[in-house]
Amino acid sequence: MKVLVAARALEVFETLQRLEDVEYEEALFTGQIYNAVSTCQLVVIDYEDLVEHPYDVRMIRELLAESNVRSYSSAEFLRNPDRCIREAEVRPGSMTRLPEKYTVAFVSYSGGTGKTTLALDTALHFARRTKRQREAGLPVLLVEFVYGESALASILGLEMPFLYEMATDADVEPMAFEGVTIIPMDYDACKNMSVDLLRSFFRRQMAGHVLTLVDSRWPHGLLGAVEKSVNRWFAVATPRLDAIENARKLTLELQEREKYEASIVMNMMDSVTDSLALAGLERDLDLGRLDRVDRFEGKLGKQILSKVYGPAWREFEARARRFRWPWRR
């Protein structure tokens, strides 16, 4: 039995040391808890003792509430440790190993490369796949930085609050669409806003999400609100000569600017001819053109997430398939 202790009560540690066949790990930072919970069957947690970095306490609370892992306060555990251990042993098991907190940006100099479609398909696929052992998927956030009207709002065709409303009124919450938190930009309302104000707003939002996806034109005057938080940049291009050259220049600009991890993603590839035309171009992914891209079935997102998380995500995909079809091995 593996126990995660996210509490300061010394009595908990003393009790665990007396129990047979029990090992424990201590974690008080929210990021430590998030990373360790996948290896545990029981969590002893006092939320008032937690240190909020990099996630907020609310996200950890929701994560544990929806998981298969038993959790108790230190007072609950100390009242009857043996009962808590027994109850934890009959649960289905620990959570699947989780991806780490990450921020990915899809950028291009101009529109028409499919950034918004890629970002939305990736967000929706992440939410669906991470539902394997939870009633709700792991929290994923999608934000956009545009000039003019919101591409996200146009694609989804739904009534939703925009960035200006949310950043200036604490009572306005983002809309959740199929497990994805959506923050579209209304540029005309936002263009004179302080980047520092937006940075504070986005820091709070990102603290409650495991994955943040950014859909942005480059350059953008307000992108500084999240720019330093981005772990990986994808310059999105299509197999047009101008788009290819723009992506090449943008990747170099990002790499030279702050030594960001930046690479090219080729989108809407049609044929072998397109591949031959790109010979010698260093890139991370070639994504084919889909007949019904508006269905957001995850065919693009799956490839993006595999590139971002590597073998960890491919294992996630495999486990999700086994869970859906338990008679298959």
Protein backbone atom coordinates (compact mmCIF):
# COMPACT_ATOMS: atom_id res chain seq x y z
CA MET A 1 0.00 0.00 0.00
CA LYS A 2 1.40 3.39 -1.04
CA VAL A 3 0.17 6.45 0.90
CA LEU A 4 0.67 10.08 -0.10
CA VAL A 5 0.78 12.43 2.88
CA ALA A 6 -0.14 16.04 2.06
CA ALA A 7 -0.47 17.22 5.66
CA ARG A 8 1.77 18.55 8.41
CA ALA A 9 0.34 16.47 11.28
CA LEU A 10 3.22 14.49 12.83
CA GLU A 11 0.76 11.93 14.23
CA VAL A 12 0.02 10.76 10.66
CA PHE A 13 3.67 9.91 10.02
CA GLU A 14 4.03 8.21 13.38
CA THR A 15 0.94 6.09 12.68
CA LEU A 16 2.10 5.10 9.20
CA GLN A 17 5.46 4.01 10.54
CA ARG A 18 3.71 1.50 12.81
CA LEU A 19 1.61 -0.04 10.03
CA GLU A 20 2.86 -3.11 8.21
CA ASP A 21 3.15 -3.30 4.40
CA VAL A 22 2.62 0.45 4.09
CA GLU A 23 5.02 2.95 2.56
CA TYR A 24 4.44 6.66 2.33
CA GLU A 25 5.61 9.79 0.55
CA GLU A 26 5.27 13.40 1.71
CA ALA A 27 4.16 16.23 -0.60
CA LEU A 28 2.82 19.68 0.24
CA PHE A 29 3.26 21.57 -3.04
CA THR A 30 0.28 21.11 -5.35
CA GLY A 31 2.60 20.15 -8.19
CA GLN A 32 4.22 17.43 -6.07
CA ILE A 33 0.79 16.04 -5.20
CA TYR A 34 -0.29 16.02 -8.84
CA ASN A 35 2.84 14.14 -9.90
CA ALA A 36 2.81 11.66 -7.00
CA VAL A 37 -0.88 10.73 -6.83
CA SER A 38 -0.62 8.37 -9.81
CA THR A 39 1.54 6.00 -7.72
CA CYS A 40 -0.66 5.97 -4.60
CA GLN A 41 -3.76 4.15 -3.40
CA LEU A 42 -4.51 6.48 -0.47
CA VAL A 43 -4.01 10.21 0.18
CA VAL A 44 -4.00 11.87 3.59
CA ILE A 45 -4.52 15.55 2.86
CA ASP A 46 -5.22 18.76 4.77
CA TYR A 47 -5.99 21.35 2.12
CA GLU A 48 -5.14 24.27 4.39
CA ASP A 49 -1.54 22.97 4.60
CA LEU A 50 -0.95 22.96 0.85
CA VAL A 51 1.37 25.31 -1.03
CA GLU A 52 -0.22 26.47 -4.31
CA HIS A 53 2.48 25.86 -6.89
CA PRO A 54 1.96 25.50 -9.81
CA TYR A 55 -1.71 24.48 -9.45
CA ASP A 56 -4.39 25.99 -7.26
CA VAL A 57 -5.89 23.97 -4.40
CA ARG A 58 -9.28 23.81 -6.12
CA MET A 59 -7.80 21.83 -9.02
CA ILE A 60 -6.22 19.29 -6.63
CA ARG A 61 -9.48 18.98 -4.71
CA GLU A 62 -11.45 18.29 -7.91
CA LEU A 63 -8.77 15.89 -9.17
CA LEU A 64 -8.99 13.74 -6.05
CA ALA A 65 -12.79 13.93 -5.87
CA GLU A 66 -13.09 12.46 -9.37
CA SER A 67 -10.32 9.88 -9.07
CA ASN A 68 -10.22 6.27 -7.89
CA VAL A 69 -7.85 7.21 -5.08
CA ARG A 70 -9.22 7.29 -1.52
CA SER A 71 -8.50 10.55 0.31
CA TYR A 72 -8.98 11.56 3.96
CA SER A 73 -8.09 14.50 6.15
CA SER A 74 -5.48 13.81 8.82
CA ALA A 75 -8.23 13.87 11.47
CA GLU A 76 -10.33 11.33 9.54
CA PHE A 77 -7.34 9.08 9.02
CA LEU A 78 -6.20 9.19 12.64
CA ARG A 79 -9.65 8.24 13.95
CA ASN A 80 -9.37 4.82 12.31
CA PRO A 81 -6.22 4.21 10.23
CA ASP A 82 -6.92 0.51 9.70
CA ARG A 83 -10.37 1.20 8.25
CA CYS A 84 -8.93 3.83 5.89
CA ILE A 85 -6.33 1.34 4.65
CA ARG A 86 -8.97 -1.36 4.10
CA GLU A 87 -11.25 1.02 2.17
CA ALA A 88 -8.36 2.11 -0.03
CA GLU A 89 -7.47 -1.50 -0.83
CA VAL A 90 -10.90 -2.27 -2.29
CA ARG A 91 -10.89 0.69 -4.71
CA PRO A 92 -10.17 -0.11 -8.39
CA GLY A 93 -6.60 1.14 -8.10
CA SER A 94 -4.43 4.18 -8.41
CA MET A 95 -4.81 6.76 -11.15
CA THR A 96 -3.12 6.40 -14.50
CA ARG A 97 0.19 8.25 -14.63
CA LEU A 98 -0.64 11.80 -15.61
CA PRO A 99 1.02 14.18 -18.08
CA GLU A 100 2.86 17.05 -16.46
CA LYS A 101 1.63 20.65 -16.51
CA TYR A 102 2.38 22.04 -19.96
CA THR A 103 1.64 25.02 -22.21
CA VAL A 104 1.72 24.75 -26.00
CA ALA A 105 1.32 27.62 -28.47
CA PHE A 106 0.21 27.37 -32.11
CA VAL A 107 1.39 30.48 -33.96
CA SER A 108 1.79 31.88 -37.46
CA TYR A 109 2.37 35.23 -39.13
CA SER A 110 -0.99 35.08 -40.88
CA GLY A 111 -4.31 33.27 -40.82
CA GLY A 112 -5.46 30.32 -42.88
CA THR A 113 -2.95 27.75 -41.63
CA GLY A 114 -5.39 25.92 -39.33
CA LYS A 115 -4.02 27.01 -35.94
CA THR A 116 -7.44 27.27 -34.32
CA THR A 117 -8.58 23.89 -35.65
CA LEU A 118 -5.39 22.22 -34.41
CA ALA A 119 -5.63 23.84 -30.98
CA LEU A 120 -9.31 22.93 -30.54
CA ASP A 121 -8.89 19.37 -31.80
CA THR A 122 -5.95 18.88 -29.45
CA ALA A 123 -7.85 20.29 -26.47
CA LEU A 124 -10.93 18.14 -27.09
CA HIS A 125 -8.87 14.97 -27.61
CA PHE A 126 -6.97 15.61 -24.37
CA ALA A 127 -10.24 16.07 -22.45
CA ARG A 128 -11.75 12.89 -23.91
CA ARG A 129 -8.73 10.65 -23.43
CA THR A 130 -8.09 11.70 -19.84
CA LYS A 131 -11.62 10.65 -18.87
CA ARG A 132 -10.45 7.03 -18.62
CA GLN A 133 -10.54 6.85 -14.83
CA ARG A 134 -12.39 10.07 -14.06
CA GLU A 135 -15.92 11.32 -14.66
CA ALA A 136 -14.40 14.49 -16.08
CA GLY A 137 -11.18 14.75 -18.08
CA LEU A 138 -8.11 16.49 -16.76
CA PRO A 139 -8.60 20.26 -16.94
CA VAL A 140 -7.48 21.76 -20.25
CA LEU A 141 -7.55 25.45 -21.18
CA LEU A 142 -7.72 26.97 -24.68
CA VAL A 143 -7.01 30.69 -25.14
CA GLU A 144 -6.65 32.78 -28.25
CA PHE A 145 -4.91 35.99 -29.28
CA VAL A 146 -6.36 37.45 -32.45
CA TYR A 147 -6.73 40.72 -34.31
CA GLY A 148 -10.36 41.30 -35.12
CA GLU A 149 -13.11 38.76 -34.45
CA SER A 150 -12.65 35.55 -32.52
CA ALA A 151 -11.99 32.49 -34.68
CA LEU A 152 -12.91 30.24 -31.74
CA ALA A 153 -16.32 31.83 -31.31
CA SER A 154 -16.92 31.61 -35.05
CA ILE A 155 -16.03 27.90 -35.25
CA LEU A 156 -18.05 26.90 -32.18
CA GLY A 157 -21.02 29.15 -32.92
CA LEU A 158 -21.91 29.35 -29.23
CA GLU A 159 -22.76 32.17 -26.86
CA MET A 160 -19.81 32.57 -24.51
CA PRO A 161 -18.07 35.21 -22.41
CA PHE A 162 -15.02 36.88 -23.93
CA LEU A 163 -11.66 37.72 -22.44
CA TYR A 164 -12.44 41.35 -21.58
CA GLU A 165 -15.51 40.36 -19.52
CA MET A 166 -13.65 37.65 -17.64
CA ALA A 167 -10.52 39.69 -16.93
CA THR A 168 -12.46 42.70 -15.62
CA ASP A 169 -15.29 40.97 -13.73
CA ALA A 170 -14.42 38.24 -11.23
CA ASP A 171 -18.01 36.95 -11.34
CA VAL A 172 -17.76 36.02 -15.04
CA GLU A 173 -16.48 32.47 -15.51
CA PRO A 174 -15.12 30.94 -18.75
CA MET A 175 -17.36 28.61 -20.70
CA ALA A 176 -16.60 24.88 -20.62
CA PHE A 177 -17.16 23.10 -23.94
CA GLU A 178 -16.98 19.28 -23.79
CA GLY A 179 -14.47 19.45 -20.95
CA VAL A 180 -12.39 22.30 -22.41
CA THR A 181 -12.26 25.75 -20.78
CA ILE A 182 -12.55 28.32 -23.59
CA ILE A 183 -11.23 31.90 -23.43
CA PRO A 184 -11.87 33.66 -26.76
CA MET A 185 -10.51 37.15 -27.41
CA ASP A 186 -12.55 40.20 -28.36
CA TYR A 187 -9.63 42.28 -29.62
CA ASP A 188 -11.40 45.64 -29.98
CA ALA A 189 -12.36 45.52 -26.31
CA CYS A 190 -8.98 44.19 -25.15
CA LYS A 191 -6.50 46.16 -27.24
CA ASN A 192 -5.97 48.89 -24.62
CA MET A 193 -5.81 46.54 -21.63
CA SER A 194 -2.74 46.27 -19.45
CA VAL A 195 -0.58 43.23 -20.19
CA ASP A 196 0.12 42.98 -16.46
CA LEU A 197 -3.62 42.73 -15.73
CA LEU A 198 -4.02 40.01 -18.33
CA ARG A 199 -0.92 38.21 -17.05
CA SER A 200 -2.43 38.07 -13.57
CA PHE A 201 -5.75 36.80 -14.99
CA PHE A 202 -4.12 34.08 -17.08
CA ARG A 203 -1.86 33.00 -14.22
CA ARG A 204 -4.96 32.29 -12.13
CA GLN A 205 -6.66 30.42 -14.96
CA MET A 206 -3.61 28.34 -15.88
CA ALA A 207 -3.10 27.36 -12.23
CA GLY A 208 -6.31 25.33 -12.47
CA HIS A 209 -5.41 23.45 -15.65
CA VAL A 210 -3.01 20.67 -16.55
CA LEU A 211 -2.67 21.64 -20.21
CA THR A 212 -2.97 25.12 -21.71
CA LEU A 213 -3.18 25.58 -25.48
CA VAL A 214 -2.60 29.00 -27.04
CA ASP A 215 -3.88 29.94 -30.51
CA SER A 216 -2.19 33.17 -31.59
CA ARG A 217 -1.14 35.39 -34.43
CA TRP A 218 2.52 36.37 -34.26
CA PRO A 219 3.47 38.94 -33.24
CA HIS A 220 0.62 39.98 -30.96
CA GLY A 221 0.72 42.91 -28.56
CA LEU A 222 -1.06 41.06 -25.75
CA LEU A 223 0.68 37.70 -26.07
CA GLY A 224 3.18 38.84 -23.46
CA ALA A 225 0.54 37.94 -20.88
CA VAL A 226 1.33 34.22 -21.37
CA GLU A 227 4.48 34.16 -23.51
CA LYS A 228 6.91 33.29 -20.71
CA SER A 229 4.72 30.35 -19.64
CA VAL A 230 4.83 28.59 -23.02
CA ASN A 231 6.89 25.39 -22.99
CA ARG A 232 6.64 24.63 -26.69
CA TRP A 233 5.90 26.66 -29.82
CA PHE A 234 4.53 25.20 -33.03
CA ALA A 235 4.80 27.41 -36.11
CA VAL A 236 1.91 26.15 -38.23
CA ALA A 237 2.18 26.16 -42.02
CA THR A 238 0.44 24.72 -45.06
CA PRO A 239 2.24 23.41 -48.18
CA ARG A 240 2.24 26.84 -49.88
CA LEU A 241 5.60 28.40 -50.61
CA ASP A 242 4.77 31.62 -48.74
CA ALA A 243 3.43 29.74 -45.70
CA ILE A 244 6.50 27.47 -45.62
CA GLU A 245 8.89 30.41 -45.75
CA ASN A 246 6.91 32.28 -43.09
CA ALA A 247 7.03 29.27 -40.77
CA ARG A 248 10.77 28.90 -41.30
CA LYS A 249 11.37 32.56 -40.44
CA LEU A 250 9.02 32.44 -37.45
CA THR A 251 10.71 29.36 -36.00
CA LEU A 252 14.11 31.05 -36.25
CA GLU A 253 12.70 34.23 -34.71
CA LEU A 254 11.28 32.32 -31.75
CA GLN A 255 14.46 30.31 -31.23
CA GLU A 256 16.66 33.41 -31.37
CA ARG A 257 14.30 35.63 -29.37
CA GLU A 258 14.41 33.77 -26.06
CA LYS A 259 15.83 30.38 -27.10
CA TYR A 260 12.29 29.02 -27.09
CA GLU A 261 11.65 25.39 -28.07
CA ALA A 262 10.08 26.03 -31.46
CA SER A 263 9.46 23.86 -34.50
CA ILE A 264 7.32 23.66 -37.64
CA VAL A 265 4.09 21.71 -38.02
CA MET A 266 2.92 21.22 -41.60
CA ASN A 267 -0.86 21.14 -41.78
CA MET A 268 -3.29 20.15 -44.54
CA MET A 269 -0.84 17.98 -46.46
CA ASP A 270 -2.51 16.54 -49.56
CA SER A 271 -0.20 14.25 -51.45
CA VAL A 272 3.24 12.83 -52.06
CA THR A 273 3.85 15.91 -54.19
CA ASP A 274 3.47 18.10 -51.10
CA SER A 275 5.97 15.94 -49.22
CA LEU A 276 8.49 16.17 -52.06
CA ALA A 277 8.12 19.94 -52.16
CA LEU A 278 9.15 20.06 -48.50
CA ALA A 279 12.29 17.99 -48.91
CA GLY A 280 15.02 19.43 -46.70
CA LEU A 281 12.61 21.39 -44.48
CA GLU A 282 13.16 20.53 -40.83
CA ARG A 283 9.78 20.01 -39.17
CA ASP A 284 8.14 18.08 -36.35
CA LEU A 285 4.93 16.83 -37.96
CA ASP A 286 3.16 16.39 -41.29
CA LEU A 287 -0.60 16.45 -40.76
CA GLY A 288 -2.88 15.34 -43.59
CA ARG A 289 -5.92 17.20 -44.85
CA LEU A 290 -9.15 15.86 -43.34
CA ASP A 291 -12.47 15.71 -45.18
CA ARG A 292 -14.52 16.72 -42.10
CA VAL A 293 -12.14 18.66 -39.91
CA ASP A 294 -15.12 20.33 -38.22
CA ARG A 295 -16.00 17.05 -36.48
CA PHE A 296 -12.99 17.44 -34.16
CA GLU A 297 -12.52 13.68 -33.81
CA GLY A 298 -9.01 14.00 -32.40
CA LYS A 299 -7.12 12.70 -35.42
CA LEU A 300 -4.93 15.82 -35.44
CA GLY A 301 -4.85 16.29 -31.68
CA LYS A 302 -3.64 12.74 -31.10
CA GLN A 303 -0.55 13.42 -33.20
CA ILE A 304 0.12 16.76 -31.51
CA LEU A 305 -0.14 15.24 -28.02
CA SER A 306 2.11 12.32 -28.97
CA LYS A 307 4.73 14.83 -30.10
CA VAL A 308 4.36 16.93 -26.93
CA TYR A 309 4.32 14.13 -24.34
CA GLY A 310 6.13 11.39 -26.25
CA PRO A 311 5.87 7.78 -24.96
CA ALA A 312 3.84 8.89 -21.92
CA TRP A 313 0.97 9.97 -24.14
CA ARG A 314 1.15 6.89 -26.34
CA GLU A 315 0.79 4.80 -23.17
CA PHE A 316 -2.19 6.97 -22.21
CA GLU A 317 -3.80 6.25 -25.58
CA ALA A 318 -3.20 2.51 -25.25
CA ARG A 319 -4.68 2.36 -21.76
CA ALA A 320 -7.71 4.35 -22.85
CA ARG A 321 -8.37 1.83 -25.65
CA ARG A 322 -8.06 -1.10 -23.26
CA PHE A 323 -10.48 0.56 -20.87
CA ARG A 324 -13.03 1.14 -23.62
CA TRP A 325 -12.69 -2.40 -24.99
CA PRO A 326 -11.79 -4.52 -21.93
CA TRP A 327 -12.04 -7.84 -23.78
CA ARG A 328 -9.23 -6.81 -26.12
CA ARG A 329 -5.65 -7.44 -25.13
